[in-house]
Each structure stands twice: as C-alpha cells, then as structure tokens.
Amino acid sequence: MTPKKLRFRARGTALVQNLERLEAGIKSFIGRKFVQADFEQWGFEPTGEAEEVAYRAEYVKACKDGDLDPADEATAKACGVSFDPFLGEA
C-alpha cells in the first residue's frame, strides 16, 4: 500500500522543490529555509527538521537519486531505499 504522505530532510546541497507550494505560487524547497547569508546575499539553509509532503513520484525519484533523506522508515520503504535514523544529525 502506498502512503499518502512522505517525510524528508534536505540532503547535501540539493534543492528539491516543494511541488504543492510551487503549484500555489510559493517557491520553497523541502527541508530548507530562506536566509540572509550576508548583507546582499540570500540562500536556502537546511532546517534539520523533517518536512511532510504528499506522495508524488517526483519525491520518490529525488530520494532514490540521493537528493532527499527519508525521515522515517515508512518513507524509506515507500521510496525503496534503506533508512538511516542518523542521517541529517550534526
């Protein structure tokens, strides 16, 4: 049975769009927040928190490609990858 929701954390420097927000006209990336790096530069920094999104094939592919870390065992299983509970920890 395919879950309705998936939970991910940002991985490395990959920027994976939150497609539901994009469809609503809001640009955001899964597991990241928009921050000011210095006076004139901005960027997307990892939040370290898991973000829940609707199940979509695009997210599963991003996880399989190594662009997102599954935040729980159910998400890892749905994406066909192994779950490491220590990923994303400092």
PDB file of N, CA and C in Angstrom:
ATOM      1  N   MET A   1       0.841  -1.188   0.000  1.00  0.00           N
ATOM      2  CA  MET A   1       0.000   0.000   0.000  1.00  0.00           C
ATOM      3  C   MET A   1       0.889   1.257   0.000  1.00  0.00           C
ATOM      4  N   THR A   2       0.613   2.172  -0.878  1.00  0.00           N
ATOM      5  CA  THR A   2       1.378   3.416  -0.997  1.00  0.00           C
ATOM      6  C   THR A   2       0.886   4.422   0.043  1.00  0.00           C
ATOM      7  N   PRO A   3       1.809   5.002   0.822  1.00  0.00           N
ATOM      8  CA  PRO A   3       1.373   6.003   1.815  1.00  0.00           C
ATOM      9  C   PRO A   3       0.917   7.288   1.135  1.00  0.00           C
ATOM     10  N   LYS A   4       0.061   8.042   1.820  1.00  0.00           N
ATOM     11  CA  LYS A   4      -0.412   9.310   1.273  1.00  0.00           C
ATOM     12  C   LYS A   4       0.584  10.436   1.537  1.00  0.00           C
ATOM     13  N   LYS A   5       1.387  10.285   2.582  1.00  0.00           N
ATOM     14  CA  LYS A   5       2.349  11.318   2.959  1.00  0.00           C
ATOM     15  C   LYS A   5       3.745  10.719   3.069  1.00  0.00           C
ATOM     16  N   LEU A   6       4.737  11.525   2.753  1.00  0.00           N
ATOM     17  CA  LEU A   6       6.139  11.148   2.894  1.00  0.00           C
ATOM     18  C   LEU A   6       6.814  12.215   3.758  1.00  0.00           C
ATOM     19  N   ARG A   7       7.877  11.818   4.459  1.00  0.00           N
ATOM     20  CA  ARG A   7       8.609  12.760   5.304  1.00  0.00           C
ATOM     21  C   ARG A   7      10.086  12.728   4.917  1.00  0.00           C
ATOM     22  N   PHE A   8      10.630  13.911   4.631  1.00  0.00           N
ATOM     23  CA  PHE A   8      12.017  14.016   4.187  1.00  0.00           C
ATOM     24  C   PHE A   8      12.763  15.103   4.940  1.00  0.00           C
ATOM     25  N   ARG A   9      14.100  14.967   4.897  1.00  0.00           N
ATOM     26  CA  ARG A   9      15.021  16.031   5.315  1.00  0.00           C
ATOM     27  C   ARG A   9      15.862  16.392   4.087  1.00  0.00           C
ATOM     28  N   ALA A  10      16.330  17.629   4.055  1.00  0.00           N
ATOM     29  CA  ALA A  10      17.217  18.059   2.977  1.00  0.00           C
ATOM     30  C   ALA A  10      18.514  17.267   3.052  1.00  0.00           C
ATOM     31  N   ARG A  11      19.153  17.085   1.916  1.00  0.00           N
ATOM     32  CA  ARG A  11      20.413  16.345   1.876  1.00  0.00           C
ATOM     33  C   ARG A  11      21.447  17.131   1.079  1.00  0.00           C
ATOM     34  N   GLY A  12      22.621  17.278   1.659  1.00  0.00           N
ATOM     35  CA  GLY A  12      23.715  17.958   0.963  1.00  0.00           C
ATOM     36  C   GLY A  12      23.324  19.343   0.492  1.00  0.00           C
ATOM     37  N   THR A  13      23.657  19.630  -0.751  1.00  0.00           N
ATOM     38  CA  THR A  13      23.329  20.937  -1.319  1.00  0.00           C
ATOM     39  C   THR A  13      22.159  20.871  -2.302  1.00  0.00           C
ATOM     40  N   ALA A  14      21.528  19.706  -2.397  1.00  0.00           N
ATOM     41  CA  ALA A  14      20.417  19.535  -3.345  1.00  0.00           C
ATOM     42  C   ALA A  14      19.221  20.390  -2.939  1.00  0.00           C
ATOM     43  N   LEU A  15      18.596  21.004  -3.923  1.00  0.00           N
ATOM     44  CA  LEU A  15      17.390  21.796  -3.715  1.00  0.00           C
ATOM     45  C   LEU A  15      16.242  21.096  -4.440  1.00  0.00           C
ATOM     46  N   VAL A  16      15.329  20.520  -3.656  1.00  0.00           N
ATOM     47  CA  VAL A  16      14.179  19.822  -4.231  1.00  0.00           C
ATOM     48  C   VAL A  16      12.937  20.663  -3.934  1.00  0.00           C
ATOM     49  N   GLN A  17      12.294  21.128  -4.989  1.00  0.00           N
ATOM     50  CA  GLN A  17      11.107  21.979  -4.846  1.00  0.00           C
ATOM     51  C   GLN A  17       9.993  21.255  -4.089  1.00  0.00           C
ATOM     52  N   ASN A  18       9.297  21.993  -3.227  1.00  0.00           N
ATOM     53  CA  ASN A  18       8.050  21.505  -2.658  1.00  0.00           C
ATOM     54  C   ASN A  18       6.996  21.797  -3.722  1.00  0.00           C
ATOM     55  N   LEU A  19       6.558  20.766  -4.414  1.00  0.00           N
ATOM     56  CA  LEU A  19       5.703  20.948  -5.586  1.00  0.00           C
ATOM     57  C   LEU A  19       4.315  21.467  -5.253  1.00  0.00           C
ATOM     58  N   GLU A  20       3.777  21.112  -4.086  1.00  0.00           N
ATOM     59  CA  GLU A  20       2.466  21.612  -3.697  1.00  0.00           C
ATOM     60  C   GLU A  20       2.517  23.132  -3.499  1.00  0.00           C
ATOM     61  N   ARG A  21       3.563  23.605  -2.850  1.00  0.00           N
ATOM     62  CA  ARG A  21       3.721  25.051  -2.653  1.00  0.00           C
ATOM     63  C   ARG A  21       3.993  25.752  -3.985  1.00  0.00           C
ATOM     64  N   LEU A  22       4.791  25.124  -4.839  1.00  0.00           N
ATOM     65  CA  LEU A  22       5.075  25.707  -6.147  1.00  0.00           C
ATOM     66  C   LEU A  22       3.787  25.884  -6.946  1.00  0.00           C
ATOM     67  N   GLU A  23       2.906  24.893  -6.895  1.00  0.00           N
ATOM     68  CA  GLU A  23       1.626  24.984  -7.602  1.00  0.00           C
ATOM     69  C   GLU A  23       0.751  26.106  -7.047  1.00  0.00           C
ATOM     70  N   ALA A  24       0.994  26.487  -5.776  1.00  0.00           N
ATOM     71  CA  ALA A  24       0.261  27.589  -5.161  1.00  0.00           C
ATOM     72  C   ALA A  24       0.973  28.921  -5.373  1.00  0.00           C
ATOM     73  N   GLY A  25       2.086  28.909  -6.129  1.00  0.00           N
ATOM     74  CA  GLY A  25       2.808  30.128  -6.437  1.00  0.00           C
ATOM     75  C   GLY A  25       3.863  30.511  -5.413  1.00  0.00           C
ATOM     76  N   ILE A  26       4.216  29.576  -4.523  1.00  0.00           N
ATOM     77  CA  ILE A  26       5.215  29.844  -3.480  1.00  0.00           C
ATOM     78  C   ILE A  26       6.452  29.003  -3.755  1.00  0.00           C
ATOM     79  N   LYS A  27       7.595  29.645  -3.888  1.00  0.00           N
ATOM     80  CA  LYS A  27       8.834  28.914  -4.133  1.00  0.00           C
ATOM     81  C   LYS A  27       9.438  28.495  -2.792  1.00  0.00           C
ATOM     82  N   SER A  28       9.569  27.189  -2.593  1.00  0.00           N
ATOM     83  CA  SER A  28      10.233  26.683  -1.389  1.00  0.00           C
ATOM     84  C   SER A  28      10.830  25.318  -1.696  1.00  0.00           C
ATOM     85  N   PHE A  29      11.782  24.941  -0.873  1.00  0.00           N
ATOM     86  CA  PHE A  29      12.478  23.684  -1.068  1.00  0.00           C
ATOM     87  C   PHE A  29      12.312  22.824   0.176  1.00  0.00           C
ATOM     88  N   ILE A  30      12.186  21.526  -0.038  1.00  0.00           N
ATOM     89  CA  ILE A  30      11.945  20.593   1.060  1.00  0.00           C
ATOM     90  C   ILE A  30      13.117  20.610   2.037  1.00  0.00           C
ATOM     91  N   GLY A  31      12.781  20.830   3.318  1.00  0.00           N
ATOM     92  CA  GLY A  31      13.777  20.795   4.382  1.00  0.00           C
ATOM     93  C   GLY A  31      14.710  21.989   4.415  1.00  0.00           C
ATOM     94  N   ARG A  32      14.332  23.092   3.772  1.00  0.00           N
ATOM     95  CA  ARG A  32      15.206  24.270   3.727  1.00  0.00           C
ATOM     96  C   ARG A  32      14.414  25.536   4.045  1.00  0.00           C
ATOM     97  N   LYS A  33      15.144  26.544   4.524  1.00  0.00           N
ATOM     98  CA  LYS A  33      14.545  27.850   4.770  1.00  0.00           C
ATOM     99  C   LYS A  33      15.391  28.909   4.080  1.00  0.00           C
ATOM    100  N   PHE A  34      14.751  29.996   3.710  1.00  0.00           N
ATOM    101  CA  PHE A  34      15.390  31.110   3.022  1.00  0.00           C
ATOM    102  C   PHE A  34      16.027  32.015   4.073  1.00  0.00           C
ATOM    103  N   VAL A  35      17.331  32.215   3.990  1.00  0.00           N
ATOM    104  CA  VAL A  35      18.052  33.016   4.994  1.00  0.00           C
ATOM    105  C   VAL A  35      18.995  33.998   4.313  1.00  0.00           C
ATOM    106  N   GLN A  36      19.299  35.057   5.036  1.00  0.00           N
ATOM    107  CA  GLN A  36      20.266  36.035   4.544  1.00  0.00           C
ATOM    108  C   GLN A  36      21.659  35.564   4.950  1.00  0.00           C
ATOM    109  N   ALA A  37      22.510  35.346   3.945  1.00  0.00           N
ATOM    110  CA  ALA A  37      23.877  34.868   4.200  1.00  0.00           C
ATOM    111  C   ALA A  37      24.784  36.016   4.624  1.00  0.00           C
ATOM    112  N   ASP A  38      24.640  37.148   3.977  1.00  0.00           N
ATOM    113  CA  ASP A  38      25.347  38.371   4.368  1.00  0.00           C
ATOM    114  C   ASP A  38      24.513  39.547   3.871  1.00  0.00           C
ATOM    115  N   PHE A  39      25.070  40.719   3.850  1.00  0.00           N
ATOM    116  CA  PHE A  39      24.304  41.935   3.549  1.00  0.00           C
ATOM    117  C   PHE A  39      23.503  41.853   2.254  1.00  0.00           C
ATOM    118  N   GLU A  40      24.079  41.319   1.198  1.00  0.00           N
ATOM    119  CA  GLU A  40      23.406  41.313  -0.101  1.00  0.00           C
ATOM    120  C   GLU A  40      23.105  39.923  -0.651  1.00  0.00           C
ATOM    121  N   GLN A  41      23.440  38.876   0.088  1.00  0.00           N
ATOM    122  CA  GLN A  41      23.236  37.521  -0.437  1.00  0.00           C
ATOM    123  C   GLN A  41      22.258  36.739   0.434  1.00  0.00           C
ATOM    124  N   TRP A  42      21.437  35.958  -0.255  1.00  0.00           N
ATOM    125  CA  TRP A  42      20.464  35.097   0.407  1.00  0.00           C
ATOM    126  C   TRP A  42      20.671  33.675  -0.089  1.00  0.00           C
ATOM    127  N   GLY A  43      20.201  32.717   0.683  1.00  0.00           N
ATOM    128  CA  GLY A  43      20.332  31.321   0.278  1.00  0.00           C
ATOM    129  C   GLY A  43      19.336  30.441   1.008  1.00  0.00           C
ATOM    130  N   PHE A  44      19.367  29.154   0.701  1.00  0.00           N
ATOM    131  CA  PHE A  44      18.466  28.179   1.314  1.00  0.00           C
ATOM    132  C   PHE A  44      19.287  27.257   2.206  1.00  0.00           C
ATOM    133  N   GLU A  45      19.050  27.356   3.493  1.00  0.00           N
ATOM    134  CA  GLU A  45      19.796  26.620   4.507  1.00  0.00           C
ATOM    135  C   GLU A  45      18.946  25.450   5.008  1.00  0.00           C
ATOM    136  N   PRO A  46      19.552  24.285   5.281  1.00  0.00           N
ATOM    137  CA  PRO A  46      18.785  23.159   5.822  1.00  0.00           C
ATOM    138  C   PRO A  46      18.185  23.514   7.181  1.00  0.00           C
ATOM    139  N   THR A  47      16.953  23.077   7.406  1.00  0.00           N
ATOM    140  CA  THR A  47      16.307  23.316   8.697  1.00  0.00           C
ATOM    141  C   THR A  47      16.683  22.246   9.719  1.00  0.00           C
ATOM    142  N   GLY A  48      17.063  21.058   9.214  1.00  0.00           N
ATOM    143  CA  GLY A  48      17.332  19.941  10.111  1.00  0.00           C
ATOM    144  C   GLY A  48      16.066  19.224  10.551  1.00  0.00           C
ATOM    145  N   GLU A  49      14.931  19.767  10.188  1.00  0.00           N
ATOM    146  CA  GLU A  49      13.640  19.191  10.558  1.00  0.00           C
ATOM    147  C   GLU A  49      13.067  18.386   9.393  1.00  0.00           C
ATOM    148  N   ALA A  50      12.278  17.384   9.730  1.00  0.00           N
ATOM    149  CA  ALA A  50      11.582  16.610   8.706  1.00  0.00           C
ATOM    150  C   ALA A  50      10.413  17.428   8.172  1.00  0.00           C
ATOM    151  N   GLU A  51      10.197  17.340   6.878  1.00  0.00           N
ATOM    152  CA  GLU A  51       9.066  18.029   6.248  1.00  0.00           C
ATOM    153  C   GLU A  51       8.159  16.984   5.611  1.00  0.00           C
ATOM    154  N   GLU A  52       6.881  17.106   5.875  1.00  0.00           N
ATOM    155  CA  GLU A  52       5.899  16.168   5.340  1.00  0.00           C
ATOM    156  C   GLU A  52       5.311  16.716   4.048  1.00  0.00           C
ATOM    157  N   VAL A  53       5.269  15.859   3.039  1.00  0.00           N
ATOM    158  CA  VAL A  53       4.711  16.234   1.735  1.00  0.00           C
ATOM    159  C   VAL A  53       3.817  15.095   1.251  1.00  0.00           C
ATOM    160  N   ALA A  54       2.960  15.409   0.295  1.00  0.00           N
ATOM    161  CA  ALA A  54       2.105  14.386  -0.309  1.00  0.00           C
ATOM    162  C   ALA A  54       2.957  13.418  -1.122  1.00  0.00           C
ATOM    163  N   TYR A  55       2.515  12.173  -1.217  1.00  0.00           N
ATOM    164  CA  TYR A  55       3.231  11.190  -2.030  1.00  0.00           C
ATOM    165  C   TYR A  55       3.182  11.628  -3.488  1.00  0.00           C
ATOM    166  N   ARG A  56       4.356  11.740  -4.089  1.00  0.00           N
ATOM    167  CA  ARG A  56       4.474  12.041  -5.513  1.00  0.00           C
ATOM    168  C   ARG A  56       5.698  11.302  -6.047  1.00  0.00           C
ATOM    169  N   ALA A  57       5.592  10.844  -7.286  1.00  0.00           N
ATOM    170  CA  ALA A  57       6.692  10.110  -7.911  1.00  0.00           C
ATOM    171  C   ALA A  57       7.963  10.963  -7.984  1.00  0.00           C
ATOM    172  N   GLU A  58       7.813  12.268  -8.120  1.00  0.00           N
ATOM    173  CA  GLU A  58       8.975  13.163  -8.201  1.00  0.00           C
ATOM    174  C   GLU A  58       9.801  13.117  -6.912  1.00  0.00           C
ATOM    175  N   TYR A  59       9.120  13.052  -5.767  1.00  0.00           N
ATOM    176  CA  TYR A  59       9.821  12.980  -4.486  1.00  0.00           C
ATOM    177  C   TYR A  59      10.509  11.630  -4.307  1.00  0.00           C
ATOM    178  N   VAL A  60       9.844  10.571  -4.723  1.00  0.00           N
ATOM    179  CA  VAL A  60      10.436   9.229  -4.641  1.00  0.00           C
ATOM    180  C   VAL A  60      11.712   9.186  -5.475  1.00  0.00           C
ATOM    181  N   LYS A  61      11.662   9.734  -6.678  1.00  0.00           N
ATOM    182  CA  LYS A  61      12.856   9.759  -7.537  1.00  0.00           C
ATOM    183  C   LYS A  61      13.968  10.588  -6.899  1.00  0.00           C
ATOM    184  N   ALA A  62      13.633  11.746  -6.337  1.00  0.00           N
ATOM    185  CA  ALA A  62      14.641  12.582  -5.683  1.00  0.00           C
ATOM    186  C   ALA A  62      15.298  11.838  -4.527  1.00  0.00           C
ATOM    187  N   CYS A  63      14.520  11.067  -3.793  1.00  0.00           N
ATOM    188  CA  CYS A  63      15.070  10.272  -2.695  1.00  0.00           C
ATOM    189  C   CYS A  63      15.989   9.179  -3.233  1.00  0.00           C
ATOM    190  N   LYS A  64      15.544   8.478  -4.247  1.00  0.00           N
ATOM    191  CA  LYS A  64      16.367   7.425  -4.852  1.00  0.00           C
ATOM    192  C   LYS A  64      17.658   7.986  -5.451  1.00  0.00           C
ATOM    193  N   ASP A  65      17.590   9.204  -5.974  1.00  0.00           N
ATOM    194  CA  ASP A  65      18.761   9.859  -6.563  1.00  0.00           C
ATOM    195  C   ASP A  65      19.711  10.423  -5.514  1.00  0.00           C
ATOM    196  N   GLY A  66      19.296  10.402  -4.238  1.00  0.00           N
ATOM    197  CA  GLY A  66      20.142  10.901  -3.155  1.00  0.00           C
ATOM    198  C   GLY A  66      19.983  12.385  -2.869  1.00  0.00           C
ATOM    199  N   ASP A  67      18.914  13.003  -3.367  1.00  0.00           N
ATOM    200  CA  ASP A  67      18.697  14.428  -3.147  1.00  0.00           C
ATOM    201  C   ASP A  67      17.862  14.733  -1.907  1.00  0.00           C
ATOM    202  N   LEU A  68      17.189  13.730  -1.358  1.00  0.00           N
ATOM    203  CA  LEU A  68      16.419  13.856  -0.121  1.00  0.00           C
ATOM    204  C   LEU A  68      16.729  12.665   0.774  1.00  0.00           C
ATOM    205  N   ASP A  69      16.713  12.890   2.092  1.00  0.00           N
ATOM    206  CA  ASP A  69      16.871  11.796   3.052  1.00  0.00           C
ATOM    207  C   ASP A  69      15.506  11.455   3.630  1.00  0.00           C
ATOM    208  N   PRO A  70      15.122  10.176   3.620  1.00  0.00           N
ATOM    209  CA  PRO A  70      13.857   9.809   4.252  1.00  0.00           C
ATOM    210  C   PRO A  70      13.957  10.042   5.758  1.00  0.00           C
ATOM    211  N   ALA A  71      12.931  10.645   6.334  1.00  0.00           N
ATOM    212  CA  ALA A  71      12.945  10.974   7.758  1.00  0.00           C
ATOM    213  C   ALA A  71      12.365   9.866   8.626  1.00  0.00           C
ATOM    214  N   ASP A  72      11.779   8.850   7.995  1.00  0.00           N
ATOM    215  CA  ASP A  72      11.236   7.730   8.768  1.00  0.00           C
ATOM    216  C   ASP A  72      11.288   6.452   7.937  1.00  0.00           C
ATOM    217  N   GLU A  73      11.061   5.356   8.614  1.00  0.00           N
ATOM    218  CA  GLU A  73      11.150   4.048   7.964  1.00  0.00           C
ATOM    219  C   GLU A  73      10.088   3.857   6.885  1.00  0.00           C
ATOM    220  N   ALA A  74       8.879   4.366   7.130  1.00  0.00           N
ATOM    221  CA  ALA A  74       7.794   4.211   6.153  1.00  0.00           C
ATOM    222  C   ALA A  74       8.125   4.939   4.851  1.00  0.00           C
ATOM    223  N   THR A  75       8.709   6.117   4.956  1.00  0.00           N
ATOM    224  CA  THR A  75       9.095   6.867   3.755  1.00  0.00           C
ATOM    225  C   THR A  75      10.207   6.141   3.005  1.00  0.00           C
ATOM    226  N   ALA A  76      11.198   5.648   3.745  1.00  0.00           N
ATOM    227  CA  ALA A  76      12.291   4.907   3.118  1.00  0.00           C
ATOM    228  C   ALA A  76      11.751   3.694   2.361  1.00  0.00           C
ATOM    229  N   LYS A  77      10.843   2.971   2.987  1.00  0.00           N
ATOM    230  CA  LYS A  77      10.259   1.781   2.353  1.00  0.00           C
ATOM    231  C   LYS A  77       9.482   2.168   1.092  1.00  0.00           C
ATOM    232  N   ALA A  78       8.699   3.242   1.166  1.00  0.00           N
ATOM    233  CA  ALA A  78       7.910   3.688   0.013  1.00  0.00           C
ATOM    234  C   ALA A  78       8.814   4.104  -1.145  1.00  0.00           C
ATOM    235  N   CYS A  79      10.025   4.598  -0.819  1.00  0.00           N
ATOM    236  CA  CYS A  79      10.969   5.045  -1.844  1.00  0.00           C
ATOM    237  C   CYS A  79      11.924   3.946  -2.290  1.00  0.00           C
ATOM    238  N   GLY A  80      11.899   2.806  -1.614  1.00  0.00           N
ATOM    239  CA  GLY A  80      12.770   1.697  -1.993  1.00  0.00           C
ATOM    240  C   GLY A  80      14.227   1.917  -1.624  1.00  0.00           C
ATOM    241  N   VAL A  81      14.463   2.657  -0.533  1.00  0.00           N
ATOM    242  CA  VAL A  81      15.829   2.899  -0.058  1.00  0.00           C
ATOM    243  C   VAL A  81      15.931   2.450   1.396  1.00  0.00           C
ATOM    244  N   SER A  82      17.160   2.313   1.878  1.00  0.00           N
ATOM    245  CA  SER A  82      17.332   1.930   3.278  1.00  0.00           C
ATOM    246  C   SER A  82      17.186   3.160   4.164  1.00  0.00           C
ATOM    247  N   PHE A  83      16.774   2.925   5.408  1.00  0.00           N
ATOM    248  CA  PHE A  83      16.563   4.013   6.355  1.00  0.00           C
ATOM    249  C   PHE A  83      17.725   4.076   7.333  1.00  0.00           C
ATOM    250  N   ASP A  84      18.316   5.267   7.467  1.00  0.00           N
ATOM    251  CA  ASP A  84      19.356   5.509   8.447  1.00  0.00           C
ATOM    252  C   ASP A  84      18.858   6.608   9.380  1.00  0.00           C
ATOM    253  N   PRO A  85      18.507   6.268  10.623  1.00  0.00           N
ATOM    254  CA  PRO A  85      17.953   7.266  11.537  1.00  0.00           C
ATOM    255  C   PRO A  85      18.935   8.376  11.914  1.00  0.00           C
ATOM    256  N   PHE A  86      20.234   8.199  11.613  1.00  0.00           N
ATOM    257  CA  PHE A  86      21.239   9.187  11.987  1.00  0.00           C
ATOM    258  C   PHE A  86      21.539  10.195  10.883  1.00  0.00           C
ATOM    259  N   LEU A  87      20.970  10.020   9.700  1.00  0.00           N
ATOM    260  CA  LEU A  87      21.191  10.992   8.616  1.00  0.00           C
ATOM    261  C   LEU A  87      20.611  12.338   9.022  1.00  0.00           C
ATOM    262  N   GLY A  88      21.311  13.373   8.698  1.00  0.00           N
ATOM    263  CA  GLY A  88      20.841  14.719   8.994  1.00  0.00           C
ATOM    264  C   GLY A  88      21.211  15.211  10.363  1.00  0.00           C
ATOM    265  N   GLU A  89      21.822  14.356  11.189  1.00  0.00           N
ATOM    266  CA  GLU A  89      22.243  14.802  12.505  1.00  0.00           C
ATOM    267  C   GLU A  89      23.597  15.487  12.416  1.00  0.00           C
ATOM    268  N   ALA A  90      23.818  16.452  13.289  1.00  0.00           N
ATOM    269  CA  ALA A  90      25.091  17.173  13.300  1.00  0.00           C
ATOM    270  C   ALA A  90      26.162  16.348  13.967  1.00  0.00           C
TER     271      ALA A  90
END
